[in-house]
PDB file of N, CA and C in Angstrom:
ATOM      1  N   MET A   1      -0.309  13.676 -18.882  1.00  0.00           N
ATOM      2  CA  MET A   1       0.912  14.826 -19.334  1.00  0.00           C
ATOM      3  C   MET A   1       1.092  14.985 -20.618  1.00  0.00           C
ATOM      4  N   ARG A   2       0.658  16.183 -21.080  1.00  0.00           N
ATOM      5  CA  ARG A   2       0.854  16.606 -22.487  1.00  0.00           C
ATOM      6  C   ARG A   2       1.937  17.705 -22.885  1.00  0.00           C
ATOM      7  N   ILE A   3       2.429  17.650 -24.012  1.00  0.00           N
ATOM      8  CA  ILE A   3       3.398  18.913 -24.295  1.00  0.00           C
ATOM      9  C   ILE A   3       2.434  19.401 -25.632  1.00  0.00           C
ATOM     10  N   TYR A   4       2.570  20.668 -25.608  1.00  0.00           N
ATOM     11  CA  TYR A   4       1.963  21.351 -26.767  1.00  0.00           C
ATOM     12  C   TYR A   4       3.100  22.508 -27.353  1.00  0.00           C
ATOM     13  N   ASP A   5       2.931  22.745 -28.631  1.00  0.00           N
ATOM     14  CA  ASP A   5       3.977  23.465 -29.387  1.00  0.00           C
ATOM     15  C   ASP A   5       3.252  24.928 -29.470  1.00  0.00           C
ATOM     16  N   GLN A   6       2.584  25.305 -28.465  1.00  0.00           N
ATOM     17  CA  GLN A   6       2.134  26.668 -28.517  1.00  0.00           C
ATOM     18  C   GLN A   6       1.508  26.593 -26.955  1.00  0.00           C
ATOM     19  N   ALA A   7       1.460  27.977 -26.309  1.00  0.00           N
ATOM     20  CA  ALA A   7       1.048  28.350 -25.235  1.00  0.00           C
ATOM     21  C   ALA A   7      -0.639  27.978 -25.388  1.00  0.00           C
ATOM     22  N   LEU A   8      -1.218  27.551 -24.170  1.00  0.00           N
ATOM     23  CA  LEU A   8      -2.956  27.517 -24.266  1.00  0.00           C
ATOM     24  C   LEU A   8      -3.342  28.358 -23.606  1.00  0.00           C
ATOM     25  N   SER A   9      -4.720  29.188 -24.019  1.00  0.00           N
ATOM     26  CA  SER A   9      -5.205  29.815 -23.638  1.00  0.00           C
ATOM     27  C   SER A   9      -6.036  29.366 -22.183  1.00  0.00           C
ATOM     28  N   ALA A  10      -6.218  30.474 -21.041  1.00  0.00           N
ATOM     29  CA  ALA A  10      -7.322  29.789 -20.018  1.00  0.00           C
ATOM     30  C   ALA A  10      -8.651  28.920 -20.422  1.00  0.00           C
ATOM     31  N   ASP A  11      -9.325  29.329 -21.612  1.00  0.00           N
ATOM     32  CA  ASP A  11     -10.167  28.615 -22.159  1.00  0.00           C
ATOM     33  C   ASP A  11      -9.940  27.355 -22.847  1.00  0.00           C
ATOM     34  N   ASP A  12      -8.920  27.079 -23.255  1.00  0.00           N
ATOM     35  CA  ASP A  12      -8.339  25.949 -23.893  1.00  0.00           C
ATOM     36  C   ASP A  12      -7.937  24.972 -22.610  1.00  0.00           C
ATOM     37  N   VAL A  13      -7.207  25.495 -21.542  1.00  0.00           N
ATOM     38  CA  VAL A  13      -7.022  24.855 -20.636  1.00  0.00           C
ATOM     39  C   VAL A  13      -8.546  24.418 -19.957  1.00  0.00           C
ATOM     40  N   SER A  14      -9.433  25.259 -19.581  1.00  0.00           N
ATOM     41  CA  SER A  14     -10.987  25.033 -19.147  1.00  0.00           C
ATOM     42  C   SER A  14     -11.479  23.711 -19.891  1.00  0.00           C
ATOM     43  N   ARG A  15     -11.132  24.083 -21.118  1.00  0.00           N
ATOM     44  CA  ARG A  15     -12.070  23.045 -21.986  1.00  0.00           C
ATOM     45  C   ARG A  15     -11.201  21.519 -21.920  1.00  0.00           C
ATOM     46  N   LEU A  16      -9.966  21.448 -22.076  1.00  0.00           N
ATOM     47  CA  LEU A  16      -9.358  20.238 -22.105  1.00  0.00           C
ATOM     48  C   LEU A  16      -9.336  19.474 -20.298  1.00  0.00           C
ATOM     49  N   TYR A  17      -9.638  20.152 -19.259  1.00  0.00           N
ATOM     50  CA  TYR A  17      -9.992  19.844 -18.019  1.00  0.00           C
ATOM     51  C   TYR A  17     -11.414  19.277 -18.135  1.00  0.00           C
ATOM     52  N   ARG A  18     -12.449  20.037 -18.678  1.00  0.00           N
ATOM     53  CA  ARG A  18     -13.639  19.359 -18.453  1.00  0.00           C
ATOM     54  C   ARG A  18     -13.843  17.942 -19.360  1.00  0.00           C
ATOM     55  N   ILE A  19     -12.983  17.602 -20.561  1.00  0.00           N
ATOM     56  CA  ILE A  19     -12.952  16.638 -21.174  1.00  0.00           C
ATOM     57  C   ILE A  19     -12.394  15.804 -20.491  1.00  0.00           C
ATOM     58  N   GLU A  20     -11.268  15.878 -19.977  1.00  0.00           N
ATOM     59  CA  GLU A  20     -10.438  14.518 -19.184  1.00  0.00           C
ATOM     60  C   GLU A  20     -11.152  14.149 -17.818  1.00  0.00           C
ATOM     61  N   ALA A  21     -11.901  15.416 -17.300  1.00  0.00           N
ATOM     62  CA  ALA A  21     -12.551  14.982 -15.863  1.00  0.00           C
ATOM     63  C   ALA A  21     -13.996  14.227 -15.994  1.00  0.00           C
ATOM     64  N   THR A  22     -14.570  14.107 -16.896  1.00  0.00           N
ATOM     65  CA  THR A  22     -15.405  13.370 -17.204  1.00  0.00           C
ATOM     66  C   THR A  22     -15.173  11.978 -17.959  1.00  0.00           C
ATOM     67  N   PRO A  23     -15.037  10.641 -17.552  1.00  0.00           N
ATOM     68  CA  PRO A  23     -15.019   9.497 -18.090  1.00  0.00           C
ATOM     69  C   PRO A  23     -16.031   9.441 -18.918  1.00  0.00           C
ATOM     70  N   ARG A  24     -15.787   8.596 -20.107  1.00  0.00           N
ATOM     71  CA  ARG A  24     -16.642   8.545 -21.207  1.00  0.00           C
ATOM     72  C   ARG A  24     -16.718   6.691 -20.811  1.00  0.00           C
ATOM     73  N   PRO A  25     -17.888   6.603 -21.226  1.00  0.00           N
ATOM     74  CA  PRO A  25     -17.657   4.693 -21.359  1.00  0.00           C
ATOM     75  C   PRO A  25     -17.057   4.495 -22.313  1.00  0.00           C
ATOM     76  N   GLY A  26     -16.083   3.521 -22.402  1.00  0.00           N
ATOM     77  CA  GLY A  26     -15.065   2.849 -22.957  1.00  0.00           C
ATOM     78  C   GLY A  26     -13.983   3.632 -23.062  1.00  0.00           C
ATOM     79  N   SER A  27     -13.633   4.434 -22.205  1.00  0.00           N
ATOM     80  CA  SER A  27     -12.593   5.275 -21.850  1.00  0.00           C
ATOM     81  C   SER A  27     -11.836   5.036 -20.803  1.00  0.00           C
ATOM     82  N   PRO A  28     -11.132   3.945 -20.679  1.00  0.00           N
ATOM     83  CA  PRO A  28     -10.564   3.414 -19.061  1.00  0.00           C
ATOM     84  C   PRO A  28      -9.355   4.002 -19.028  1.00  0.00           C
ATOM     85  N   ARG A  29      -8.732   4.053 -17.843  1.00  0.00           N
ATOM     86  CA  ARG A  29      -7.605   4.811 -17.599  1.00  0.00           C
ATOM     87  C   ARG A  29      -6.790   3.876 -16.675  1.00  0.00           C
ATOM     88  N   ALA A  30      -5.401   4.167 -17.070  1.00  0.00           N
ATOM     89  CA  ALA A  30      -4.514   3.507 -15.964  1.00  0.00           C
ATOM     90  C   ALA A  30      -3.798   4.224 -15.258  1.00  0.00           C
ATOM     91  N   GLU A  31      -3.649   4.091 -14.077  1.00  0.00           N
ATOM     92  CA  GLU A  31      -2.706   4.595 -13.083  1.00  0.00           C
ATOM     93  C   GLU A  31      -1.679   3.570 -12.239  1.00  0.00           C
ATOM     94  N   ALA A  32      -0.580   4.260 -11.955  1.00  0.00           N
ATOM     95  CA  ALA A  32       0.246   3.555 -11.225  1.00  0.00           C
ATOM     96  C   ALA A  32       0.463   4.010  -9.927  1.00  0.00           C
ATOM     97  N   HIS A  33       0.641   2.704  -8.901  1.00  0.00           N
ATOM     98  CA  HIS A  33       0.598   2.571  -7.562  1.00  0.00           C
ATOM     99  C   HIS A  33       1.779   1.768  -7.282  1.00  0.00           C
ATOM    100  N   SER A  34       1.931   1.941  -6.005  1.00  0.00           N
ATOM    101  CA  SER A  34       2.859   1.181  -5.414  1.00  0.00           C
ATOM    102  C   SER A  34       2.427  -0.269  -5.015  1.00  0.00           C
ATOM    103  N   ALA A  35       3.161  -1.178  -5.318  1.00  0.00           N
ATOM    104  CA  ALA A  35       3.191  -2.392  -4.682  1.00  0.00           C
ATOM    105  C   ALA A  35       3.964  -3.262  -3.461  1.00  0.00           C
ATOM    106  N   ILE A  36       3.250  -4.150  -3.018  1.00  0.00           N
ATOM    107  CA  ILE A  36       4.153  -5.017  -2.090  1.00  0.00           C
ATOM    108  C   ILE A  36       3.819  -6.312  -2.668  1.00  0.00           C
ATOM    109  N   TYR A  37       5.067  -7.032  -2.897  1.00  0.00           N
ATOM    110  CA  TYR A  37       4.776  -8.341  -3.441  1.00  0.00           C
ATOM    111  C   TYR A  37       5.385  -9.369  -1.838  1.00  0.00           C
ATOM    112  N   VAL A  38       4.612 -10.290  -1.711  1.00  0.00           N
ATOM    113  CA  VAL A  38       4.974 -11.217  -0.654  1.00  0.00           C
ATOM    114  C   VAL A  38       5.494 -12.857  -1.188  1.00  0.00           C
ATOM    115  N   GLU A  39       6.577 -12.670  -0.665  1.00  0.00           N
ATOM    116  CA  GLU A  39       7.498 -13.921  -1.013  1.00  0.00           C
ATOM    117  C   GLU A  39       7.856 -15.069  -0.027  1.00  0.00           C
ATOM    118  N   ALA A  40       7.417 -16.148   0.207  1.00  0.00           N
ATOM    119  CA  ALA A  40       7.449 -17.362   0.951  1.00  0.00           C
ATOM    120  C   ALA A  40       8.811 -17.786   0.498  1.00  0.00           C
ATOM    121  N   SER A  41       9.592 -18.137   1.350  1.00  0.00           N
ATOM    122  CA  SER A  41      10.845 -19.097   1.109  1.00  0.00           C
ATOM    123  C   SER A  41      10.755 -20.100   2.115  1.00  0.00           C
ATOM    124  N   ASP A  42      11.689 -20.848   1.928  1.00  0.00           N
ATOM    125  CA  ASP A  42      12.115 -22.007   2.592  1.00  0.00           C
ATOM    126  C   ASP A  42      10.998 -23.363   2.591  1.00  0.00           C
ATOM    127  N   LEU A  43      10.000 -22.954   1.694  1.00  0.00           N
ATOM    128  CA  LEU A  43       8.920 -23.978   1.432  1.00  0.00           C
ATOM    129  C   LEU A  43       9.235 -25.475   1.007  1.00  0.00           C
ATOM    130  N   THR A  44       8.366 -26.232   1.604  1.00  0.00           N
ATOM    131  CA  THR A  44       8.587 -27.672   0.823  1.00  0.00           C
ATOM    132  C   THR A  44       7.668 -27.884  -0.205  1.00  0.00           C
ATOM    133  N   VAL A  45       8.046 -28.094  -1.128  1.00  0.00           N
ATOM    134  CA  VAL A  45       7.351 -28.651  -2.278  1.00  0.00           C
ATOM    135  C   VAL A  45       6.278 -30.052  -1.994  1.00  0.00           C
ATOM    136  N   GLY A  46       5.193 -29.537  -2.537  1.00  0.00           N
ATOM    137  CA  GLY A  46       3.923 -30.251  -2.020  1.00  0.00           C
ATOM    138  C   GLY A  46       3.165 -30.469  -0.851  1.00  0.00           C
ATOM    139  N   TYR A  47       3.577 -29.436   0.151  1.00  0.00           N
ATOM    140  CA  TYR A  47       3.007 -29.145   1.159  1.00  0.00           C
ATOM    141  C   TYR A  47       1.808 -27.941   0.917  1.00  0.00           C
ATOM    142  N   SER A  48       0.858 -27.604   2.130  1.00  0.00           N
ATOM    143  CA  SER A  48       0.253 -26.841   1.968  1.00  0.00           C
ATOM    144  C   SER A  48       0.319 -25.717   2.796  1.00  0.00           C
ATOM    145  N   TYR A  49       0.382 -24.667   2.517  1.00  0.00           N
ATOM    146  CA  TYR A  49       0.265 -23.364   2.997  1.00  0.00           C
ATOM    147  C   TYR A  49      -0.566 -22.433   3.382  1.00  0.00           C
ATOM    148  N   GLN A  50      -0.645 -21.300   4.299  1.00  0.00           N
ATOM    149  CA  GLN A  50      -1.824 -20.436   4.272  1.00  0.00           C
ATOM    150  C   GLN A  50      -0.728 -19.300   4.631  1.00  0.00           C
ATOM    151  N   LEU A  51      -0.850 -18.018   4.303  1.00  0.00           N
ATOM    152  CA  LEU A  51      -0.314 -16.185   4.298  1.00  0.00           C
ATOM    153  C   LEU A  51      -1.305 -15.914   5.008  1.00  0.00           C
ATOM    154  N   GLN A  52      -0.852 -15.257   6.248  1.00  0.00           N
ATOM    155  CA  GLN A  52      -1.420 -14.676   6.989  1.00  0.00           C
ATOM    156  C   GLN A  52      -0.850 -13.186   7.250  1.00  0.00           C
ATOM    157  N   VAL A  53      -1.778 -12.306   7.632  1.00  0.00           N
ATOM    158  CA  VAL A  53      -1.370 -11.063   7.899  1.00  0.00           C
ATOM    159  C   VAL A  53      -2.003 -10.400   9.327  1.00  0.00           C
ATOM    160  N   SER A  54      -0.756  -9.590   9.824  1.00  0.00           N
ATOM    161  CA  SER A  54      -1.102  -8.515  11.142  1.00  0.00           C
ATOM    162  C   SER A  54      -1.232  -7.053  10.540  1.00  0.00           C
ATOM    163  N   THR A  55      -2.282  -6.517  11.266  1.00  0.00           N
ATOM    164  CA  THR A  55      -2.228  -4.992  11.258  1.00  0.00           C
ATOM    165  C   THR A  55      -1.770  -4.581  12.685  1.00  0.00           C
ATOM    166  N   ASP A  56      -1.702  -5.435  13.341  1.00  0.00           N
ATOM    167  CA  ASP A  56      -1.314  -4.951  15.056  1.00  0.00           C
ATOM    168  C   ASP A  56      -0.237  -5.302  15.423  1.00  0.00           C
ATOM    169  N   ASN A  57       0.930  -5.181  14.757  1.00  0.00           N
ATOM    170  CA  ASN A  57       2.248  -5.948  14.850  1.00  0.00           C
ATOM    171  C   ASN A  57       2.424  -7.038  15.368  1.00  0.00           C
ATOM    172  N   GLY A  58       1.602  -8.049  14.680  1.00  0.00           N
ATOM    173  CA  GLY A  58       1.488  -9.709  15.003  1.00  0.00           C
ATOM    174  C   GLY A  58       1.044  -9.846  16.244  1.00  0.00           C
ATOM    175  N   ARG A  59       0.159  -9.118  16.800  1.00  0.00           N
ATOM    176  CA  ARG A  59      -0.569  -9.673  18.313  1.00  0.00           C
ATOM    177  C   ARG A  59      -2.236 -10.334  17.406  1.00  0.00           C
ATOM    178  N   LYS A  60      -2.348 -10.152  16.521  1.00  0.00           N
ATOM    179  CA  LYS A  60      -3.617 -11.075  16.081  1.00  0.00           C
ATOM    180  C   LYS A  60      -3.440 -11.294  14.412  1.00  0.00           C
ATOM    181  N   TRP A  61      -3.146 -12.451  14.121  1.00  0.00           N
ATOM    182  CA  TRP A  61      -3.025 -12.653  12.687  1.00  0.00           C
ATOM    183  C   TRP A  61      -4.541 -13.334  12.147  1.00  0.00           C
ATOM    184  N   GLU A  62      -4.210 -12.881  10.856  1.00  0.00           N
ATOM    185  CA  GLU A  62      -6.037 -13.289   9.853  1.00  0.00           C
ATOM    186  C   GLU A  62      -5.362 -13.855   8.751  1.00  0.00           C
ATOM    187  N   ASP A  63      -5.819 -15.051   8.419  1.00  0.00           N
ATOM    188  CA  ASP A  63      -5.768 -15.889   7.067  1.00  0.00           C
ATOM    189  C   ASP A  63      -6.038 -14.516   5.839  1.00  0.00           C
ATOM    190  N   SER A  64      -4.885 -14.614   4.981  1.00  0.00           N
ATOM    191  CA  SER A  64      -5.260 -13.746   3.849  1.00  0.00           C
ATOM    192  C   SER A  64      -5.448 -14.998   2.665  1.00  0.00           C
ATOM    193  N   GLY A  65      -6.214 -14.570   1.552  1.00  0.00           N
ATOM    194  CA  GLY A  65      -6.734 -15.554   0.583  1.00  0.00           C
ATOM    195  C   GLY A  65      -6.951 -16.871   0.721  1.00  0.00           C
ATOM    196  N   ASP A  66      -6.448 -17.817  -0.201  1.00  0.00           N
ATOM    197  CA  ASP A  66      -6.769 -19.230   0.239  1.00  0.00           C
ATOM    198  C   ASP A  66      -5.628 -19.905   0.355  1.00  0.00           C
ATOM    199  N   PRO A  67      -5.435 -21.134   1.085  1.00  0.00           N
ATOM    200  CA  PRO A  67      -4.221 -21.833   1.064  1.00  0.00           C
ATOM    201  C   PRO A  67      -3.693 -22.223  -0.034  1.00  0.00           C
ATOM    202  N   PHE A  68      -2.378 -21.932  -0.184  1.00  0.00           N
ATOM    203  CA  PHE A  68      -1.949 -22.797  -1.721  1.00  0.00           C
ATOM    204  C   PHE A  68      -0.764 -23.941  -1.231  1.00  0.00           C
ATOM    205  N   VAL A  69      -0.872 -24.610  -2.277  1.00  0.00           N
ATOM    206  CA  VAL A  69       0.338 -25.681  -2.089  1.00  0.00           C
ATOM    207  C   VAL A  69       1.586 -25.280  -2.705  1.00  0.00           C
ATOM    208  N   ALA A  70       3.194 -25.390  -2.340  1.00  0.00           N
ATOM    209  CA  ALA A  70       4.244 -24.866  -2.673  1.00  0.00           C
ATOM    210  C   ALA A  70       4.513 -25.872  -4.283  1.00  0.00           C
ATOM    211  N   VAL A  71       4.825 -25.571  -4.899  1.00  0.00           N
ATOM    212  CA  VAL A  71       5.155 -25.690  -6.279  1.00  0.00           C
ATOM    213  C   VAL A  71       6.619 -25.723  -6.636  1.00  0.00           C
ATOM    214  N   THR A  72       7.633 -24.800  -5.886  1.00  0.00           N
ATOM    215  CA  THR A  72       8.726 -24.418  -5.564  1.00  0.00           C
ATOM    216  C   THR A  72       9.426 -23.863  -4.223  1.00  0.00           C
ATOM    217  N   LYS A  73      10.511 -24.259  -3.803  1.00  0.00           N
ATOM    218  CA  LYS A  73      10.828 -23.590  -2.425  1.00  0.00           C
ATOM    219  C   LYS A  73      10.628 -22.455  -2.040  1.00  0.00           C
ATOM    220  N   LYS A  74      10.601 -21.360  -3.003  1.00  0.00           N
ATOM    221  CA  LYS A  74      10.123 -19.935  -2.998  1.00  0.00           C
ATOM    222  C   LYS A  74       9.074 -19.393  -3.934  1.00  0.00           C
ATOM    223  N   MET A  75       8.056 -18.768  -3.496  1.00  0.00           N
ATOM    224  CA  MET A  75       7.121 -18.566  -4.353  1.00  0.00           C
ATOM    225  C   MET A  75       6.721 -17.143  -3.921  1.00  0.00           C
ATOM    226  N   VAL A  76       5.882 -16.179  -5.044  1.00  0.00           N
ATOM    227  CA  VAL A  76       5.679 -14.954  -4.811  1.00  0.00           C
ATOM    228  C   VAL A  76       3.931 -15.333  -4.288  1.00  0.00           C
ATOM    229  N   VAL A  77       3.372 -15.128  -3.584  1.00  0.00           N
ATOM    230  CA  VAL A  77       2.110 -15.766  -2.621  1.00  0.00           C
ATOM    231  C   VAL A  77       1.242 -14.575  -2.675  1.00  0.00           C
ATOM    232  N   ALA A  78       1.330 -13.285  -3.050  1.00  0.00           N
ATOM    233  CA  ALA A  78       0.278 -12.467  -2.753  1.00  0.00           C
ATOM    234  C   ALA A  78       0.952 -11.012  -2.910  1.00  0.00           C
ATOM    235  N   HIS A  79      -0.228  -9.824  -3.554  1.00  0.00           N
ATOM    236  CA  HIS A  79       0.122  -8.787  -3.841  1.00  0.00           C
ATOM    237  C   HIS A  79      -0.405  -7.713  -2.953  1.00  0.00           C
ATOM    238  N   PHE A  80      -0.412  -6.800  -2.208  1.00  0.00           N
ATOM    239  CA  PHE A  80      -0.886  -5.536  -1.408  1.00  0.00           C
ATOM    240  C   PHE A  80      -0.639  -4.395  -1.956  1.00  0.00           C
ATOM    241  N   ASN A  81      -1.373  -3.471  -1.850  1.00  0.00           N
ATOM    242  CA  ASN A  81      -1.066  -2.217  -1.797  1.00  0.00           C
ATOM    243  C   ASN A  81       0.071  -1.266  -0.958  1.00  0.00           C
ATOM    244  N   GLY A  82       1.054  -1.118  -1.854  1.00  0.00           N
ATOM    245  CA  GLY A  82       2.089  -0.260  -1.482  1.00  0.00           C
ATOM    246  C   GLY A  82       1.962   0.879  -0.244  1.00  0.00           C
ATOM    247  N   ASP A  83       0.841   1.382  -0.285  1.00  0.00           N
ATOM    248  CA  ASP A  83       0.536   2.477   0.783  1.00  0.00           C
ATOM    249  C   ASP A  83       0.074   1.712   2.021  1.00  0.00           C
ATOM    250  N   ASP A  84       0.210   0.450   2.280  1.00  0.00           N
ATOM    251  CA  ASP A  84       0.013  -0.230   3.254  1.00  0.00           C
ATOM    252  C   ASP A  84       1.145  -0.875   3.957  1.00  0.00           C
ATOM    253  N   ALA A  85       2.329  -0.643   3.383  1.00  0.00           N
ATOM    254  CA  ALA A  85       3.740  -1.080   3.878  1.00  0.00           C
ATOM    255  C   ALA A  85       3.808  -0.994   5.263  1.00  0.00           C
ATOM    256  N   ASP A  86       3.518   0.094   5.842  1.00  0.00           N
ATOM    257  CA  ASP A  86       3.995   0.160   7.288  1.00  0.00           C
ATOM    258  C   ASP A  86       2.900  -0.388   8.237  1.00  0.00           C
ATOM    259  N   ARG A  87       2.069  -0.873   7.728  1.00  0.00           N
ATOM    260  CA  ARG A  87       0.965  -1.230   8.617  1.00  0.00           C
ATOM    261  C   ARG A  87       0.830  -2.570   8.703  1.00  0.00           C
ATOM    262  N   LEU A  88       1.533  -3.217   7.996  1.00  0.00           N
ATOM    263  CA  LEU A  88       1.282  -4.590   7.759  1.00  0.00           C
ATOM    264  C   LEU A  88       2.526  -5.751   7.881  1.00  0.00           C
ATOM    265  N   ASP A  89       2.260  -6.891   8.531  1.00  0.00           N
ATOM    266  CA  ASP A  89       3.044  -7.737   9.044  1.00  0.00           C
ATOM    267  C   ASP A  89       2.458  -8.939   7.971  1.00  0.00           C
ATOM    268  N   PHE A  90       3.407  -9.828   7.770  1.00  0.00           N
ATOM    269  CA  PHE A  90       3.158 -11.170   7.487  1.00  0.00           C
ATOM    270  C   PHE A  90       4.079 -12.313   7.706  1.00  0.00           C
ATOM    271  N   ARG A  91       3.250 -13.432   7.556  1.00  0.00           N
ATOM    272  CA  ARG A  91       3.712 -14.683   8.010  1.00  0.00           C
ATOM    273  C   ARG A  91       2.842 -15.814   7.312  1.00  0.00           C
ATOM    274  N   VAL A  92       4.012 -16.994   7.153  1.00  0.00           N
ATOM    275  CA  VAL A  92       3.107 -18.245   6.381  1.00  0.00           C
ATOM    276  C   VAL A  92       3.212 -19.539   7.395  1.00  0.00           C
ATOM    277  N   ARG A  93       2.124 -20.061   7.303  1.00  0.00           N
ATOM    278  CA  ARG A  93       2.044 -21.459   8.220  1.00  0.00           C
ATOM    279  C   ARG A  93       1.623 -22.286   7.675  1.00  0.00           C
ATOM    280  N   GLN A  94       2.199 -23.493   7.664  1.00  0.00           N
ATOM    281  CA  GLN A  94       1.708 -25.268   7.170  1.00  0.00           C
ATOM    282  C   GLN A  94       0.253 -25.210   7.810  1.00  0.00           C
ATOM    283  N   VAL A  95      -0.210 -25.818   6.751  1.00  0.00           N
ATOM    284  CA  VAL A  95      -1.862 -26.201   7.002  1.00  0.00           C
ATOM    285  C   VAL A  95      -1.793 -27.784   6.506  1.00  0.00           C
ATOM    286  N   PRO A  96      -2.735 -28.422   7.525  1.00  0.00           N
ATOM    287  CA  PRO A  96      -2.944 -29.638   6.833  1.00  0.00           C
ATOM    288  C   PRO A  96      -3.323 -30.013   5.833  1.00  0.00           C
TER     289      PRO A  96
END
């Protein structure tokens, strides 16, 4: 978003659009997105756990990421795209 102290002509707007629409090397962009963070709780410190994700209301579960060792009773264990919030279910299981 930009604010100018004068009205821009159609040519000004077209020129600015062309400049901004063509990324240049070394010109990174930042975008804001919603995110889900998964927090596991009631963990036993020192035990290993695996986060699992289901996209079909818990009928089939798949491991997500690597197993982790609990260092506290409650931990943030993963981040996901917030646009997927309505189709993801999560669980944590203890692993040997």
